[in-house]
Protein backbone atom coordinates (compact mmCIF):
# COMPACT_ATOMS: atom_id res chain seq x y z
CA MET A 1 -21.46 7.18 15.63
CA PRO A 2 -25.02 7.72 14.52
CA TYR A 3 -24.50 11.14 12.92
CA PRO A 4 -20.96 11.31 11.46
CA ILE A 5 -21.58 14.26 9.13
CA GLU A 6 -22.99 16.41 11.91
CA ALA A 7 -20.08 15.43 14.17
CA LEU A 8 -17.54 16.46 11.54
CA LYS A 9 -19.31 19.78 11.01
CA LYS A 10 -19.14 20.45 14.76
CA MET A 11 -15.45 19.53 14.83
CA ARG A 12 -14.83 22.03 12.04
CA ASP A 13 -16.42 24.72 14.20
CA VAL A 14 -14.34 23.77 17.25
CA VAL A 15 -10.82 23.58 15.80
CA SER A 16 -8.82 26.62 14.77
CA ILE A 17 -8.38 27.53 11.11
CA ASP A 18 -5.02 25.77 10.89
CA GLY A 19 -6.12 22.93 13.19
CA ALA A 20 -6.51 19.28 12.28
CA ILE A 21 -8.93 16.48 13.08
CA LEU A 22 -7.65 12.93 13.42
CA ILE A 23 -10.12 10.12 12.76
CA GLY A 24 -9.06 6.58 13.50
CA ASP A 25 -10.60 3.21 12.84
CA VAL A 26 -9.50 -0.36 13.36
CA SER A 27 -9.22 -3.08 10.76
CA MET A 28 -10.65 -6.32 12.08
CA LYS A 29 -11.17 -9.71 10.51
CA GLU A 30 -14.54 -10.30 8.85
CA LYS A 31 -15.51 -13.73 10.17
CA LEU A 32 -16.50 -14.17 13.81
CA GLU A 33 -14.43 -17.37 14.04
CA GLU A 34 -11.29 -15.39 13.22
CA LYS A 35 -11.77 -12.94 16.10
CA ASN A 36 -10.23 -15.18 18.76
CA ASP A 37 -7.53 -12.80 19.98
CA PHE A 38 -8.00 -10.21 22.71
CA ALA A 39 -8.56 -7.30 20.32
CA GLY A 40 -11.10 -9.24 18.27
CA LYS A 41 -13.12 -10.18 21.35
CA LEU A 42 -12.88 -6.66 22.74
CA TYR A 43 -14.09 -4.92 19.59
CA TYR A 44 -16.80 -7.50 18.94
CA ASN A 45 -18.23 -7.03 22.42
CA PHE A 46 -17.86 -3.26 22.17
CA SER A 47 -19.85 -3.38 18.93
CA VAL A 48 -22.61 -5.52 20.42
CA LEU A 49 -22.86 -3.66 23.73
CA LEU A 50 -22.45 -0.07 22.51
CA CYS A 51 -22.80 0.30 18.75
CA LEU A 52 -25.85 -1.92 18.29
CA PRO A 53 -27.96 -0.23 21.01
CA GLN A 54 -26.93 3.19 19.70
CA SER A 55 -28.00 2.29 16.17
CA ILE A 56 -31.35 1.06 17.48
CA ASN A 57 -31.80 4.21 19.56
CA HIS A 58 -31.05 6.59 16.67
CA THR A 59 -33.64 5.40 14.16
CA ASN A 60 -34.29 8.88 12.71
CA TYR A 61 -30.99 8.91 10.80
CA THR A 62 -31.54 9.90 7.17
């Protein structure tokens, strides 16, 4: 997510006053050699194929 603060501000505008926002993240192993299971391979490839190009595309982040 290139602009997390702006996304959270928008979520605040969208939910009702007593609403809630759930943010989730995964905990993965640090070393590439340890990511041999399905989830490790899935998230590694997701990071390379989606997150990396997005971070390159959004270079104006301050």
